[in-house]
Amino acid sequence: MTLPIVFRMIRWSVAAIAALFGLAMFLYPGGTFFNRSAPRYSFFQNSLSDLGSRIAWGGQENSLSAMFSVAGSIILVLAGVACLVTLVRVCSSSRTMGWLARLAGTVGMLSCGALIGASLAPEDRNSVLHGQFTILGVASFPVTTALCAWVMARSGRFRRRAPIGLLVLTLLLIVWIAAMAWHPTTGAELMIPVTLQKIVMIGLLGNLLLQSYEAERAVAGVTAERSNTRLQPTSRADAAP
């Protein structure tokens, strides 16, 4: 599979992820942590983790919504892995940034693995394991985005918008993590971390679009540089007419 096809698939995956999570929200039978009788999914009261539960907060079966939620999470992870592999590939030739790109890729894989683990261990079935995977993913995710932003800014192959987009996402993640550490006691307080989680997801999908375009441009630049290098003469004899 060629890289241009991979980049197009990443961009198409953003639409697929949004559609799958949208379907999961639509099919969620209802109930929130503070209001078990809520009739449907609440954007400001239900977290994304609620979608993956087999039993909704209201006590109803939630298998169909959970299926779409897990599918969206898997596609999200695959798209993230594709972006990380591309970053490592573009920057691996640099002596100064190659090791940092590989470190960013390693931490990013840890984040992706934690997301899959949290999705496959729903909160209502195994709250301890779900919480552990969530903490691991949440803790490593801003490290991943910050490292990727640093690599892109220092590599010279990406336009400024690429690291800026990741830095904005990093700041959103830090704010969300701070909100998660605060335990809400009312529905109004719960709205803060739940809404921030949705904003982080929107920022993540936006970055997948942005970084796929920027990575495609960077790969094209690397390919052109290698072609020019091969065409250049290797000795004076080669350069002589």
Protein backbone atom coordinates (compact mmCIF):
# COMPACT_ATOMS: atom_id res chain seq x y z
CA MET A 1 0.00 0.00 0.00
CA THR A 2 1.51 3.34 -1.07
CA LEU A 3 1.75 6.29 1.28
CA PRO A 4 -0.67 8.52 -0.70
CA ILE A 5 -3.31 5.83 -0.25
CA VAL A 6 -2.52 5.67 3.48
CA PHE A 7 -2.96 9.43 3.81
CA ARG A 8 -6.30 9.33 2.01
CA MET A 9 -7.41 6.47 4.25
CA ILE A 10 -6.49 8.50 7.35
CA ARG A 11 -8.65 11.38 6.12
CA TRP A 12 -11.54 9.05 5.32
CA SER A 13 -11.14 7.46 8.74
CA VAL A 14 -11.95 10.79 10.39
CA ALA A 15 -15.39 10.75 8.75
CA ALA A 16 -15.84 7.09 9.70
CA ILE A 17 -14.90 7.75 13.35
CA ALA A 18 -17.30 10.69 13.61
CA ALA A 19 -20.09 8.62 12.03
CA LEU A 20 -19.51 5.61 14.30
CA PHE A 21 -19.45 7.63 17.50
CA GLY A 22 -22.47 9.59 16.28
CA LEU A 23 -24.36 6.33 15.77
CA ALA A 24 -23.26 5.10 19.19
CA MET A 25 -24.62 8.29 20.78
CA PHE A 26 -27.89 7.99 18.87
CA LEU A 27 -28.37 4.36 19.93
CA TYR A 28 -27.43 4.88 23.58
CA PRO A 29 -30.62 4.07 25.51
CA GLY A 30 -30.20 6.70 28.20
CA GLY A 31 -29.09 7.44 31.73
CA THR A 32 -26.23 9.45 33.23
CA PHE A 33 -24.21 9.13 36.41
CA PHE A 34 -26.42 11.63 38.24
CA ASN A 35 -29.68 11.02 36.35
CA ARG A 36 -30.41 7.36 35.66
CA SER A 37 -33.78 8.22 34.08
CA ALA A 38 -32.37 10.46 31.33
CA PRO A 39 -34.06 9.33 28.08
CA ARG A 40 -31.07 9.48 25.73
CA TYR A 41 -27.37 10.26 25.41
CA SER A 42 -26.49 13.70 26.78
CA PHE A 43 -23.58 15.47 25.10
CA PHE A 44 -22.83 17.37 28.31
CA GLN A 45 -23.53 14.63 30.88
CA ASN A 46 -22.40 11.34 29.28
CA SER A 47 -18.75 10.60 28.64
CA LEU A 48 -17.48 8.66 25.65
CA SER A 49 -16.72 5.77 28.01
CA ASP A 50 -20.47 5.47 28.66
CA LEU A 51 -20.93 4.45 25.04
CA GLY A 52 -18.72 1.40 25.49
CA SER A 53 -20.61 0.04 28.51
CA ARG A 54 -22.69 -3.08 27.88
CA ILE A 55 -25.34 -1.77 30.29
CA ALA A 56 -26.27 1.90 30.17
CA TRP A 57 -26.56 4.02 33.31
CA GLY A 58 -30.34 3.68 33.01
CA GLY A 59 -30.08 -0.11 33.27
CA GLN A 60 -30.89 -0.90 29.62
CA GLU A 61 -28.89 -3.15 27.30
CA ASN A 62 -26.32 -1.13 25.36
CA SER A 63 -24.59 -3.74 23.19
CA LEU A 64 -25.30 -2.08 19.83
CA SER A 65 -24.04 1.33 20.91
CA ALA A 66 -20.96 -0.32 22.46
CA MET A 67 -20.21 -2.12 19.20
CA PHE A 68 -20.12 1.13 17.22
CA SER A 69 -18.08 2.83 19.95
CA VAL A 70 -15.43 0.09 19.97
CA ALA A 71 -15.29 0.11 16.15
CA GLY A 72 -14.73 3.88 16.17
CA SER A 73 -11.98 3.52 18.79
CA ILE A 74 -10.19 0.84 16.75
CA ILE A 75 -10.26 2.98 13.59
CA LEU A 76 -9.03 5.95 15.63
CA VAL A 77 -6.08 3.91 16.89
CA LEU A 78 -5.22 2.64 13.41
CA ALA A 79 -5.25 6.20 12.03
CA GLY A 80 -3.04 7.37 14.90
CA VAL A 81 -0.58 4.53 14.35
CA ALA A 82 -0.39 5.40 10.64
CA CYS A 83 0.45 9.02 11.48
CA LEU A 84 3.11 7.95 14.00
CA VAL A 85 4.76 5.53 11.57
CA THR A 86 4.87 8.25 8.93
CA LEU A 87 6.47 10.72 11.36
CA VAL A 88 9.17 8.23 12.31
CA ARG A 89 9.78 7.41 8.65
CA VAL A 90 10.13 11.06 7.61
CA CYS A 91 12.43 12.02 10.49
CA SER A 92 14.42 8.81 10.95
CA SER A 93 17.11 9.92 8.49
CA SER A 94 18.00 12.87 10.72
CA ARG A 95 20.78 12.15 13.22
CA THR A 96 19.54 14.78 15.67
CA MET A 97 15.80 14.09 15.43
CA GLY A 98 15.67 10.41 14.47
CA TRP A 99 15.93 9.10 18.03
CA LEU A 100 13.35 11.62 19.25
CA ALA A 101 10.95 10.61 16.47
CA ARG A 102 11.33 6.97 17.48
CA LEU A 103 10.71 7.90 21.12
CA ALA A 104 7.56 9.79 20.12
CA GLY A 105 6.43 6.77 18.14
CA THR A 106 7.05 4.41 21.07
CA VAL A 107 5.11 6.54 23.56
CA GLY A 108 2.38 7.01 20.95
CA MET A 109 2.02 3.26 20.52
CA LEU A 110 1.62 3.00 24.29
CA SER A 111 -1.19 5.56 24.16
CA CYS A 112 -2.90 3.70 21.32
CA GLY A 113 -2.63 0.38 23.11
CA ALA A 114 -4.13 1.90 26.25
CA LEU A 115 -7.08 3.27 24.26
CA ILE A 116 -7.80 -0.17 22.80
CA GLY A 117 -7.51 -1.72 26.26
CA ALA A 118 -9.98 0.77 27.75
CA SER A 119 -12.40 0.10 24.89
CA LEU A 120 -12.22 -3.68 25.26
CA ALA A 121 -12.59 -3.49 29.05
CA PRO A 122 -15.80 -1.48 29.46
CA GLU A 123 -16.35 0.46 32.65
CA ASP A 124 -19.41 -1.54 33.72
CA ARG A 125 -17.67 -4.91 33.26
CA ASN A 126 -14.21 -4.23 34.68
CA SER A 127 -14.01 -0.77 36.18
CA VAL A 128 -10.53 -1.31 37.66
CA LEU A 129 -8.92 -2.43 34.40
CA HIS A 130 -10.81 0.22 32.45
CA GLY A 131 -9.54 2.86 34.87
CA GLN A 132 -5.95 1.61 34.66
CA PHE A 133 -5.96 1.67 30.85
CA THR A 134 -7.58 5.12 30.90
CA ILE A 135 -4.96 6.52 33.27
CA LEU A 136 -2.15 5.03 31.17
CA GLY A 137 -3.58 6.47 27.95
CA VAL A 138 -4.39 9.86 29.44
CA ALA A 139 -0.94 10.18 31.04
CA SER A 140 1.01 9.19 27.92
CA PHE A 141 -1.12 10.97 25.32
CA PRO A 142 0.03 14.58 25.99
CA VAL A 143 3.62 13.33 26.14
CA THR A 144 3.11 11.84 22.67
CA THR A 145 1.63 15.01 21.18
CA ALA A 146 4.29 17.23 22.77
CA LEU A 147 7.13 15.02 21.47
CA CYS A 148 5.60 14.91 17.99
CA ALA A 149 5.26 18.71 17.98
CA TRP A 150 8.91 19.06 18.98
CA VAL A 151 10.07 16.64 16.27
CA MET A 152 8.03 18.40 13.59
CA ALA A 153 9.21 21.85 14.65
CA ARG A 154 12.89 20.84 14.65
CA SER A 155 12.92 18.62 11.57
CA GLY A 156 12.45 21.44 9.08
CA ARG A 157 10.22 19.24 6.90
CA PHE A 158 6.87 20.38 8.27
CA ARG A 159 5.15 23.74 8.05
CA ARG A 160 4.57 25.65 11.26
CA ARG A 161 0.89 24.75 11.39
CA ALA A 162 1.71 21.07 12.05
CA PRO A 163 3.48 21.50 15.43
CA ILE A 164 1.11 24.32 16.41
CA GLY A 165 -1.87 22.02 15.92
CA LEU A 166 -0.29 19.39 18.15
CA LEU A 167 0.64 21.95 20.81
CA VAL A 168 -2.98 23.15 20.95
CA LEU A 169 -4.08 19.53 21.38
CA THR A 170 -1.47 19.05 24.12
CA LEU A 171 -2.82 22.04 26.04
CA LEU A 172 -6.39 20.75 25.69
CA LEU A 173 -5.26 17.37 27.04
CA ILE A 174 -3.56 18.94 30.05
CA VAL A 175 -6.68 20.98 30.88
CA TRP A 176 -8.84 17.87 30.51
CA ILE A 177 -6.54 15.83 32.77
CA ALA A 178 -6.72 18.56 35.40
CA ALA A 179 -10.53 18.49 35.18
CA MET A 180 -10.56 14.68 35.50
CA ALA A 181 -8.64 14.91 38.78
CA TRP A 182 -11.52 16.95 40.19
CA HIS A 183 -14.39 14.68 41.26
CA PRO A 184 -17.74 16.29 40.38
CA THR A 185 -20.62 15.97 42.83
CA THR A 186 -23.43 17.41 40.70
CA GLY A 187 -24.56 17.25 37.09
CA ALA A 188 -23.44 20.84 36.55
CA GLU A 189 -19.93 19.98 37.71
CA LEU A 190 -19.86 16.80 35.64
CA MET A 191 -20.50 18.90 32.55
CA ILE A 192 -16.97 20.37 32.71
CA PRO A 193 -14.81 17.22 32.24
CA VAL A 194 -17.39 15.62 29.93
CA THR A 195 -17.48 18.65 27.63
CA LEU A 196 -13.69 18.95 27.69
CA GLN A 197 -13.45 15.30 26.63
CA LYS A 198 -15.59 16.04 23.56
CA ILE A 199 -13.43 19.08 22.74
CA VAL A 200 -10.30 16.90 22.99
CA MET A 201 -11.86 14.37 20.62
CA ILE A 202 -12.72 17.12 18.11
CA GLY A 203 -9.15 18.44 18.41
CA LEU A 204 -7.77 14.94 17.86
CA LEU A 205 -9.84 14.37 14.72
CA GLY A 206 -8.89 17.81 13.43
CA ASN A 207 -5.23 16.98 13.97
CA LEU A 208 -5.58 13.70 12.11
CA LEU A 209 -6.79 15.67 9.10
CA LEU A 210 -4.11 18.35 9.45
CA GLN A 211 -1.20 16.01 10.13
CA SER A 212 -2.13 13.67 7.27
CA TYR A 213 -1.94 16.59 4.82
CA GLU A 214 1.30 17.86 6.35
CA ALA A 215 2.87 14.39 6.44
CA GLU A 216 1.93 13.81 2.80
CA ARG A 217 3.65 17.07 1.89
CA ALA A 218 6.73 16.16 3.96
CA VAL A 219 7.01 12.72 2.37
CA ALA A 220 6.79 14.28 -1.09
CA GLY A 221 9.62 16.63 -0.11
CA VAL A 222 11.80 13.79 1.14
CA THR A 223 11.18 11.84 -2.06
CA ALA A 224 12.14 14.87 -4.18
CA GLU A 225 15.33 15.38 -2.16
CA ARG A 226 16.37 11.77 -2.67
CA SER A 227 15.67 11.98 -6.39
CA ASN A 228 17.79 15.14 -6.69
CA THR A 229 20.59 13.47 -4.74
CA ARG A 230 20.66 10.52 -7.11
CA LEU A 231 20.73 12.83 -10.13
CA GLN A 232 23.66 14.90 -8.83
CA PRO A 233 27.16 13.94 -10.10
CA THR A 234 29.24 11.94 -7.62
CA SER A 235 32.68 13.00 -8.87
CA ARG A 236 34.47 15.54 -11.08
CA ALA A 237 34.64 12.99 -13.83
CA ASP A 238 30.88 12.61 -13.74
CA ALA A 239 30.45 16.38 -13.83
CA ALA A 240 32.80 16.88 -16.81
CA PRO A 241 31.13 17.30 -20.24
